[in-house]
Amino acid sequence: MFDYSNAVYGCSSAWLHEKDLSQIHRGIFTRDCFCKSWGCHTGESMSRAWRRATGVAMIGADGKTDYSDPMAVVLSPGGRWTKG
C-alpha cells in the first residue's frame, strides 16, 4: 500500500509519486491484476503514468476523495472513477 500524497495518514509510511514509477519492474504485475488508487485526482494523471510504467491499468479518482467515513471512500460531488 502506498500513500499518494505528501502527508502520511498512519496506514502507510511509504508514498509514491509519478516520477518514481520507473523504478517499478514492469513485469511484476500479472495482466489481470486489480489496481486502484483511492487518492484524490489520481485518475487525472497518475493512472495513465501507472499504465505507462507497469503495463497494467489502474482505476483512479477524477476529483477529490472523502475519507470522513472510515468504512467507505466516497468521491466528491461531480467526481467519478476512471481507468487509466
Protein backbone atom coordinates (compact mmCIF):
# COMPACT_ATOMS: atom_id res chain seq x y z
CA MET A 1 0.00 0.00 0.00
CA PHE A 2 1.33 3.38 -0.97
CA ASP A 3 0.10 6.77 0.14
CA TYR A 4 -0.20 9.04 -2.88
CA SER A 5 0.30 12.39 -1.20
CA ASN A 6 2.79 14.50 0.66
CA ALA A 7 1.32 13.55 4.05
CA VAL A 8 1.31 10.12 5.66
CA TYR A 9 -2.01 9.30 7.31
CA GLY A 10 -0.99 6.41 9.53
CA CYS A 11 -1.71 3.42 7.34
CA SER A 12 1.36 3.74 5.19
CA SER A 13 4.84 5.03 5.78
CA ALA A 14 5.68 4.90 2.06
CA TRP A 15 4.39 7.17 -0.65
CA LEU A 16 4.73 7.06 -4.38
CA HIS A 17 4.96 9.86 -6.92
CA GLU A 18 4.59 9.58 -10.70
CA LYS A 19 8.30 10.28 -11.14
CA ASP A 20 9.07 7.18 -9.03
CA LEU A 21 7.08 4.76 -11.21
CA SER A 22 10.02 3.99 -13.48
CA GLN A 23 11.62 2.20 -10.51
CA ILE A 24 8.89 -0.49 -10.54
CA HIS A 25 9.81 -3.60 -12.52
CA ARG A 26 7.39 -3.60 -15.48
CA GLY A 27 6.73 -7.36 -15.36
CA ILE A 28 5.95 -7.57 -11.63
CA PHE A 29 2.14 -7.49 -12.05
CA THR A 30 0.01 -10.02 -13.88
CA ARG A 31 -2.10 -8.63 -16.73
CA ASP A 32 -5.32 -9.42 -14.84
CA CYS A 33 -4.34 -7.84 -11.51
CA PHE A 34 -6.62 -5.27 -9.87
CA CYS A 35 -5.02 -1.87 -9.19
CA LYS A 36 -6.96 1.01 -7.68
CA SER A 37 -5.92 4.26 -6.11
CA TRP A 38 -8.22 5.98 -3.65
CA GLY A 39 -6.14 9.16 -3.66
CA CYS A 40 -7.60 12.47 -4.81
CA HIS A 41 -7.25 13.19 -8.54
CA THR A 42 -5.26 10.01 -9.29
CA GLY A 43 -7.45 9.22 -12.30
CA GLU A 44 -6.49 12.52 -13.90
CA SER A 45 -2.80 11.71 -14.39
CA MET A 46 -1.44 9.02 -12.07
CA SER A 47 -3.49 6.21 -13.67
CA ARG A 48 -2.02 6.92 -17.12
CA ALA A 49 1.50 7.18 -15.72
CA TRP A 50 0.96 3.89 -13.85
CA ARG A 51 -0.10 2.11 -17.05
CA ARG A 52 2.88 3.50 -18.98
CA ALA A 53 5.29 2.34 -16.27
CA THR A 54 3.79 -1.06 -15.41
CA GLY A 55 1.72 -2.07 -18.43
CA VAL A 56 -1.29 -2.52 -16.13
CA ALA A 57 -4.38 -0.31 -15.89
CA MET A 58 -5.20 1.41 -12.61
CA ILE A 59 -8.55 2.83 -11.53
CA GLY A 60 -8.25 6.31 -10.05
CA ALA A 61 -10.45 9.18 -8.93
CA ASP A 62 -11.30 12.15 -11.10
CA GLY A 63 -11.90 14.64 -8.33
CA LYS A 64 -11.43 14.55 -4.57
CA THR A 65 -11.95 11.54 -2.36
CA ASP A 66 -13.54 11.79 1.08
CA TYR A 67 -12.32 9.67 3.99
CA SER A 68 -14.68 11.04 6.64
CA ASP A 69 -16.48 7.67 6.85
CA PRO A 70 -13.87 5.09 7.92
CA MET A 71 -15.89 2.33 6.24
CA ALA A 72 -16.10 3.90 2.77
CA VAL A 73 -14.15 6.14 0.44
CA VAL A 74 -16.55 8.46 -1.33
CA LEU A 75 -15.97 10.71 -4.33
CA SER A 76 -16.76 14.41 -4.07
CA PRO A 77 -19.83 15.67 -5.96
CA GLY A 78 -19.13 15.54 -9.68
CA GLY A 79 -16.27 13.07 -9.21
CA ARG A 80 -16.02 9.69 -10.92
CA TRP A 81 -13.79 6.63 -11.06
CA THR A 82 -11.79 6.25 -14.26
CA LYS A 83 -9.48 3.55 -15.57
CA GLY A 84 -6.17 4.79 -16.96
